[in-house]
Amino acid sequence: MHTVILLVPIINVVCLIPMSLNGLGLREASFAAVFSMVGIPGAESVAVALVGRITGLALSGLGEPLYLAEHRHRRCARKTPEESQA
C-alpha cells in the first residue's frame, strides 16, 4: 500500500511531459507499467487511472457553473450607472 502511495505522484510528474493532449493515454500506460512492477495487474491499474480521470473531469464540470456565475457577477458589478441604464 505504501508503495502505491509513493508511485502515484511520480506518475503525475511523468504526465506533465508534453507528449499528448492532457496526458491522455500517458497516465493510463504509466499506471499499467509502474503498477505491474509491484504486482498489480495492468487492467486493474488502468481502471483506477480511468476512474481518477473521470472523477477529476466530473468535479471540474461541477465547478464550471460556479465560475461562470462569479464571472457574470463581477462583470455586472463593474458597469457604471450609465451603462446599466442603456
Protein backbone atom coordinates (compact mmCIF):
# COMPACT_ATOMS: atom_id res chain seq x y z
CA MET A 1 0.00 0.00 0.00
CA HIS A 2 2.78 2.43 0.87
CA THR A 3 4.43 1.71 -2.47
CA VAL A 4 1.29 2.71 -4.34
CA ILE A 5 1.07 5.98 -2.42
CA LEU A 6 4.64 6.79 -3.39
CA LEU A 7 4.21 5.85 -7.06
CA VAL A 8 1.17 7.96 -7.89
CA PRO A 9 2.97 11.33 -7.52
CA ILE A 10 5.78 10.04 -9.73
CA ILE A 11 3.24 9.08 -12.38
CA ASN A 12 1.64 12.52 -12.09
CA VAL A 13 5.01 14.16 -12.78
CA VAL A 14 5.53 11.90 -15.80
CA CYS A 15 2.14 13.02 -17.12
CA LEU A 16 3.35 16.62 -17.15
CA ILE A 17 5.68 15.76 -20.04
CA PRO A 18 4.06 17.31 -23.13
CA MET A 19 3.68 14.12 -25.16
CA SER A 20 -0.09 14.03 -25.54
CA LEU A 21 -3.13 16.21 -25.05
CA ASN A 22 -3.72 16.47 -21.29
CA GLY A 23 -1.65 13.32 -20.76
CA LEU A 24 -4.34 11.15 -22.38
CA GLY A 25 -3.08 7.62 -22.63
CA LEU A 26 0.22 8.51 -20.98
CA ARG A 27 -1.27 8.37 -17.49
CA GLU A 28 -3.02 5.08 -18.16
CA ALA A 29 0.10 3.49 -19.70
CA SER A 30 2.21 4.76 -16.81
CA PHE A 31 -0.21 3.25 -14.30
CA ALA A 32 -0.14 -0.09 -16.12
CA ALA A 33 3.65 -0.17 -16.41
CA VAL A 34 4.53 1.01 -12.91
CA PHE A 35 1.91 -0.94 -11.01
CA SER A 36 2.69 -4.16 -12.89
CA MET A 37 6.19 -3.88 -11.36
CA VAL A 38 4.67 -4.13 -7.86
CA GLY A 39 2.31 -6.98 -8.75
CA ILE A 40 -0.93 -5.17 -9.60
CA PRO A 41 -2.48 -6.37 -12.88
CA GLY A 42 -2.47 -3.94 -15.79
CA ALA A 43 -6.24 -3.99 -16.30
CA GLU A 44 -6.90 -3.03 -12.69
CA SER A 45 -4.34 -0.23 -12.71
CA VAL A 46 -5.74 1.21 -15.96
CA ALA A 47 -9.23 1.05 -14.44
CA VAL A 48 -8.00 3.02 -11.42
CA ALA A 49 -6.40 5.60 -13.72
CA LEU A 50 -9.61 5.97 -15.74
CA VAL A 51 -11.77 6.33 -12.63
CA GLY A 52 -9.41 9.02 -11.37
CA ARG A 53 -9.56 10.88 -14.70
CA ILE A 54 -13.37 10.68 -14.89
CA THR A 55 -13.70 11.84 -11.28
CA GLY A 56 -11.46 14.82 -11.98
CA LEU A 57 -13.45 15.77 -15.06
CA ALA A 58 -16.74 15.44 -13.20
CA LEU A 59 -15.55 17.63 -10.34
CA SER A 60 -14.25 20.22 -12.80
CA GLY A 61 -17.61 20.18 -14.53
CA LEU A 62 -19.33 20.90 -11.23
CA GLY A 63 -17.12 23.93 -10.68
CA GLU A 64 -17.78 25.45 -14.09
CA PRO A 65 -21.25 26.89 -13.29
CA LEU A 66 -19.85 28.44 -10.12
CA TYR A 67 -17.00 30.05 -12.07
CA LEU A 68 -19.37 31.40 -14.72
CA ALA A 69 -21.75 32.80 -12.10
CA GLU A 70 -18.89 34.57 -10.32
CA HIS A 71 -17.56 35.93 -13.61
CA ARG A 72 -21.01 37.26 -14.54
CA HIS A 73 -21.39 38.84 -11.08
CA ARG A 74 -18.03 40.62 -11.33
CA ARG A 75 -18.77 41.85 -14.85
CA CYS A 76 -22.12 43.33 -13.74
CA ALA A 77 -20.51 44.96 -10.70
CA ARG A 78 -18.02 46.83 -12.91
CA LYS A 79 -20.69 48.54 -15.01
CA THR A 80 -21.19 52.24 -14.44
CA PRO A 81 -24.71 53.57 -13.75
CA GLU A 82 -24.88 54.95 -17.32
CA GLU A 83 -24.12 51.54 -18.82
CA SER A 84 -26.75 49.78 -16.72
CA GLN A 85 -29.47 52.24 -17.85
CA ALA A 86 -28.71 51.75 -21.54
